Amino acid sequence: MAKDQKKYTQEFKQQLVDRYNTGNYSFPKLSSEYGVAKSTILNWVRNLSPIQVSETEIISVKEYKALQKKMRDLEIENEILKNGVLS
């Protein structure tokens, strides 16, 4: 990380994402109001916006990607175990 790069709390990031998701704030407006680059806010929105996975469960994109990675890892492990037993 660069010396002068700012570190933002998870709560702050989520607050900006929530404001964006209300539809009342644009990236330029949030950027000028909070002094955070538009591209940074865009990345936060991509990673922290909620996704409804069922009628009762909502997760973030970040959590969804982690679950996908875990599933791929388990599929690979399962394939290795199948091939090891059959060989």
N, C-alpha and C. Protein backbone atom coordinates (compact mmCIF):
# COMPACT_ATOMS: atom_id res chain seq x y z
N MET A 1 0.85 -1.18 0.00
CA MET A 1 0.00 0.00 0.00
C MET A 1 0.89 1.24 0.00
N ALA A 2 0.52 2.21 -0.78
CA ALA A 2 1.27 3.46 -0.87
C ALA A 2 1.22 4.21 0.46
N LYS A 3 2.25 5.01 0.70
CA LYS A 3 2.33 5.75 1.96
C LYS A 3 1.13 6.66 2.18
N ASP A 4 0.74 7.39 1.13
CA ASP A 4 -0.32 8.38 1.29
C ASP A 4 -1.72 7.84 0.98
N GLN A 5 -1.83 6.53 0.78
CA GLN A 5 -3.14 5.95 0.49
C GLN A 5 -3.97 5.88 1.77
N LYS A 6 -5.22 6.34 1.66
CA LYS A 6 -6.09 6.37 2.83
C LYS A 6 -6.67 5.00 3.10
N LYS A 7 -6.92 4.71 4.36
CA LYS A 7 -7.54 3.45 4.77
C LYS A 7 -8.91 3.80 5.33
N TYR A 8 -9.94 3.21 4.77
CA TYR A 8 -11.31 3.50 5.18
C TYR A 8 -11.87 2.32 5.96
N THR A 9 -12.70 2.62 6.95
CA THR A 9 -13.31 1.55 7.74
C THR A 9 -14.40 0.88 6.92
N GLN A 10 -14.71 -0.34 7.29
CA GLN A 10 -15.77 -1.10 6.63
C GLN A 10 -17.11 -0.38 6.78
N GLU A 11 -17.33 0.23 7.93
CA GLU A 11 -18.58 0.96 8.18
C GLU A 11 -18.72 2.15 7.24
N PHE A 12 -17.62 2.87 7.03
CA PHE A 12 -17.63 4.02 6.14
C PHE A 12 -17.94 3.58 4.71
N LYS A 13 -17.27 2.52 4.26
CA LYS A 13 -17.50 1.99 2.92
C LYS A 13 -18.97 1.61 2.75
N GLN A 14 -19.49 0.88 3.73
CA GLN A 14 -20.89 0.43 3.64
C GLN A 14 -21.85 1.61 3.66
N GLN A 15 -21.53 2.64 4.41
CA GLN A 15 -22.38 3.83 4.45
C GLN A 15 -22.48 4.47 3.07
N LEU A 16 -21.35 4.60 2.37
CA LEU A 16 -21.37 5.19 1.03
C LEU A 16 -22.12 4.29 0.05
N VAL A 17 -21.93 3.00 0.15
CA VAL A 17 -22.64 2.05 -0.72
C VAL A 17 -24.15 2.16 -0.47
N ASP A 18 -24.54 2.21 0.78
CA ASP A 18 -25.96 2.33 1.12
C ASP A 18 -26.54 3.62 0.57
N ARG A 19 -25.80 4.71 0.67
CA ARG A 19 -26.28 5.99 0.14
C ARG A 19 -26.43 5.91 -1.38
N TYR A 20 -25.46 5.29 -2.04
CA TYR A 20 -25.55 5.15 -3.50
C TYR A 20 -26.78 4.31 -3.88
N ASN A 21 -26.99 3.22 -3.15
CA ASN A 21 -28.09 2.30 -3.47
C ASN A 21 -29.48 2.90 -3.21
N THR A 22 -29.57 3.98 -2.45
CA THR A 22 -30.86 4.63 -2.25
C THR A 22 -31.34 5.31 -3.54
N GLY A 23 -30.42 5.59 -4.44
CA GLY A 23 -30.76 6.27 -5.68
C GLY A 23 -30.68 7.79 -5.57
N ASN A 24 -30.42 8.30 -4.39
CA ASN A 24 -30.34 9.74 -4.17
C ASN A 24 -28.95 10.31 -4.38
N TYR A 25 -27.95 9.45 -4.51
CA TYR A 25 -26.56 9.89 -4.64
C TYR A 25 -25.93 9.25 -5.86
N SER A 26 -25.16 10.03 -6.60
CA SER A 26 -24.40 9.52 -7.73
C SER A 26 -22.94 9.36 -7.30
N PHE A 27 -22.14 8.69 -8.15
CA PHE A 27 -20.72 8.57 -7.84
C PHE A 27 -20.05 9.94 -7.74
N PRO A 28 -20.30 10.85 -8.69
CA PRO A 28 -19.66 12.18 -8.56
C PRO A 28 -20.07 12.93 -7.30
N LYS A 29 -21.35 12.82 -6.92
CA LYS A 29 -21.82 13.52 -5.73
C LYS A 29 -21.16 12.95 -4.47
N LEU A 30 -21.12 11.63 -4.36
CA LEU A 30 -20.46 11.00 -3.21
C LEU A 30 -18.97 11.33 -3.19
N SER A 31 -18.36 11.32 -4.36
CA SER A 31 -16.93 11.61 -4.46
C SER A 31 -16.60 13.01 -3.97
N SER A 32 -17.38 13.97 -4.42
CA SER A 32 -17.07 15.35 -4.00
C SER A 32 -17.44 15.59 -2.54
N GLU A 33 -18.51 14.96 -2.08
CA GLU A 33 -18.95 15.18 -0.70
C GLU A 33 -18.01 14.53 0.32
N TYR A 34 -17.46 13.35 -0.01
CA TYR A 34 -16.63 12.62 0.95
C TYR A 34 -15.15 12.60 0.61
N GLY A 35 -14.77 13.15 -0.56
CA GLY A 35 -13.36 13.19 -0.92
C GLY A 35 -12.77 11.83 -1.25
N VAL A 36 -13.58 10.95 -1.83
CA VAL A 36 -13.13 9.62 -2.21
C VAL A 36 -13.27 9.51 -3.73
N ALA A 37 -12.29 8.90 -4.37
CA ALA A 37 -12.32 8.77 -5.83
C ALA A 37 -13.54 8.00 -6.29
N LYS A 38 -14.10 8.42 -7.44
CA LYS A 38 -15.29 7.76 -8.00
C LYS A 38 -15.01 6.27 -8.24
N SER A 39 -13.83 5.96 -8.74
CA SER A 39 -13.49 4.56 -9.03
C SER A 39 -13.44 3.72 -7.76
N THR A 40 -13.01 4.32 -6.67
CA THR A 40 -12.98 3.62 -5.38
C THR A 40 -14.40 3.31 -4.91
N ILE A 41 -15.27 4.30 -5.02
CA ILE A 41 -16.67 4.10 -4.62
C ILE A 41 -17.32 3.04 -5.51
N LEU A 42 -17.02 3.08 -6.81
CA LEU A 42 -17.56 2.08 -7.73
C LEU A 42 -17.16 0.67 -7.31
N ASN A 43 -15.90 0.49 -6.94
CA ASN A 43 -15.43 -0.83 -6.47
C ASN A 43 -16.16 -1.25 -5.21
N TRP A 44 -16.37 -0.32 -4.29
CA TRP A 44 -17.09 -0.65 -3.06
C TRP A 44 -18.52 -1.07 -3.39
N VAL A 45 -19.17 -0.35 -4.30
CA VAL A 45 -20.55 -0.68 -4.68
C VAL A 45 -20.59 -2.07 -5.30
N ARG A 46 -19.64 -2.37 -6.16
CA ARG A 46 -19.59 -3.70 -6.79
C ARG A 46 -19.41 -4.81 -5.76
N ASN A 47 -18.60 -4.56 -4.75
CA ASN A 47 -18.28 -5.61 -3.78
C ASN A 47 -19.22 -5.67 -2.58
N LEU A 48 -19.88 -4.58 -2.24
CA LEU A 48 -20.64 -4.54 -1.00
C LEU A 48 -22.15 -4.44 -1.18
N SER A 49 -22.60 -4.28 -2.43
CA SER A 49 -24.05 -4.19 -2.65
C SER A 49 -24.68 -5.55 -2.39
N PRO A 50 -25.87 -5.56 -1.83
CA PRO A 50 -26.52 -6.83 -1.50
C PRO A 50 -27.06 -7.56 -2.73
N ILE A 51 -27.04 -8.89 -2.63
CA ILE A 51 -27.64 -9.77 -3.63
C ILE A 51 -28.61 -10.68 -2.89
N GLN A 52 -29.83 -10.77 -3.39
CA GLN A 52 -30.81 -11.65 -2.75
C GLN A 52 -30.65 -13.04 -3.35
N VAL A 53 -30.25 -14.01 -2.52
CA VAL A 53 -30.00 -15.37 -3.00
C VAL A 53 -31.19 -16.29 -2.74
N SER A 54 -32.07 -15.89 -1.87
CA SER A 54 -33.31 -16.63 -1.63
C SER A 54 -34.32 -15.64 -1.07
N GLU A 55 -35.50 -16.13 -0.75
CA GLU A 55 -36.52 -15.23 -0.22
C GLU A 55 -36.12 -14.61 1.11
N THR A 56 -35.28 -15.31 1.86
CA THR A 56 -34.93 -14.84 3.20
C THR A 56 -33.47 -14.45 3.38
N GLU A 57 -32.63 -14.70 2.37
CA GLU A 57 -31.19 -14.48 2.56
C GLU A 57 -30.64 -13.49 1.54
N ILE A 58 -29.87 -12.53 2.06
CA ILE A 58 -29.20 -11.53 1.24
C ILE A 58 -27.72 -11.56 1.62
N ILE A 59 -26.85 -11.58 0.60
CA ILE A 59 -25.41 -11.55 0.84
C ILE A 59 -24.79 -10.48 -0.06
N SER A 60 -23.54 -10.14 0.22
CA SER A 60 -22.83 -9.15 -0.61
C SER A 60 -22.15 -9.88 -1.77
N VAL A 61 -21.76 -9.11 -2.77
CA VAL A 61 -21.05 -9.67 -3.92
C VAL A 61 -19.75 -10.32 -3.45
N LYS A 62 -19.10 -9.68 -2.50
CA LYS A 62 -17.84 -10.21 -1.96
C LYS A 62 -18.06 -11.59 -1.34
N GLU A 63 -19.14 -11.73 -0.56
CA GLU A 63 -19.46 -13.03 0.04
C GLU A 63 -19.82 -14.05 -1.03
N TYR A 64 -20.55 -13.61 -2.06
CA TYR A 64 -20.94 -14.49 -3.16
C TYR A 64 -19.70 -15.02 -3.89
N LYS A 65 -18.74 -14.13 -4.17
CA LYS A 65 -17.52 -14.55 -4.84
C LYS A 65 -16.72 -15.53 -3.98
N ALA A 66 -16.70 -15.30 -2.67
CA ALA A 66 -16.00 -16.21 -1.77
C ALA A 66 -16.66 -17.58 -1.78
N LEU A 67 -17.99 -17.61 -1.82
CA LEU A 67 -18.70 -18.88 -1.89
C LEU A 67 -18.42 -19.60 -3.20
N GLN A 68 -18.35 -18.87 -4.29
CA GLN A 68 -18.03 -19.48 -5.59
C GLN A 68 -16.63 -20.09 -5.56
N LYS A 69 -15.67 -19.38 -4.99
CA LYS A 69 -14.30 -19.88 -4.90
C LYS A 69 -14.26 -21.14 -4.05
N LYS A 70 -14.96 -21.12 -2.93
CA LYS A 70 -15.00 -22.29 -2.05
C LYS A 70 -15.60 -23.49 -2.78
N MET A 71 -16.66 -23.24 -3.56
CA MET A 71 -17.30 -24.31 -4.31
C MET A 71 -16.33 -24.90 -5.35
N ARG A 72 -15.61 -24.03 -6.07
CA ARG A 72 -14.63 -24.52 -7.05
C ARG A 72 -13.55 -25.34 -6.37
N ASP A 73 -13.06 -24.86 -5.23
CA ASP A 73 -12.03 -25.59 -4.49
C ASP A 73 -12.53 -26.96 -4.06
N LEU A 74 -13.77 -27.02 -3.58
CA LEU A 74 -14.34 -28.31 -3.15
C LEU A 74 -14.56 -29.25 -4.33
N GLU A 75 -14.95 -28.71 -5.48
CA GLU A 75 -15.12 -29.54 -6.67
C GLU A 75 -13.79 -30.14 -7.10
N ILE A 76 -12.73 -29.33 -7.05
CA ILE A 76 -11.39 -29.83 -7.40
C ILE A 76 -10.96 -30.90 -6.41
N GLU A 77 -11.15 -30.63 -5.13
CA GLU A 77 -10.79 -31.61 -4.09
C GLU A 77 -11.56 -32.91 -4.28
N ASN A 78 -12.85 -32.79 -4.58
CA ASN A 78 -13.69 -33.96 -4.80
C ASN A 78 -13.19 -34.78 -5.99
N GLU A 79 -12.81 -34.09 -7.06
CA GLU A 79 -12.29 -34.76 -8.25
C GLU A 79 -10.97 -35.49 -7.95
N ILE A 80 -10.12 -34.85 -7.17
CA ILE A 80 -8.84 -35.46 -6.77
C ILE A 80 -9.10 -36.71 -5.95
N LEU A 81 -10.03 -36.62 -5.02
CA LEU A 81 -10.35 -37.78 -4.18
C LEU A 81 -10.95 -38.92 -4.99
N LYS A 82 -11.80 -38.61 -5.94
CA LYS A 82 -12.39 -39.63 -6.82
C LYS A 82 -11.31 -40.34 -7.61
N ASN A 83 -10.40 -39.56 -8.20
CA ASN A 83 -9.33 -40.14 -9.01
C ASN A 83 -8.35 -40.93 -8.18
N GLY A 84 -8.12 -40.50 -6.94
CA GLY A 84 -7.19 -41.22 -6.07
C GLY A 84 -7.74 -42.56 -5.63
N VAL A 85 -9.02 -42.65 -5.40
CA VAL A 85 -9.65 -43.89 -4.96
C VAL A 85 -9.77 -44.88 -6.11
N LEU A 86 -10.06 -44.41 -7.30
CA LEU A 86 -10.27 -45.27 -8.45
C LEU A 86 -8.96 -45.72 -9.09
N SER A 87 -7.88 -45.03 -8.85
CA SER A 87 -6.61 -45.37 -9.51
C SER A 87 -5.90 -46.50 -8.84
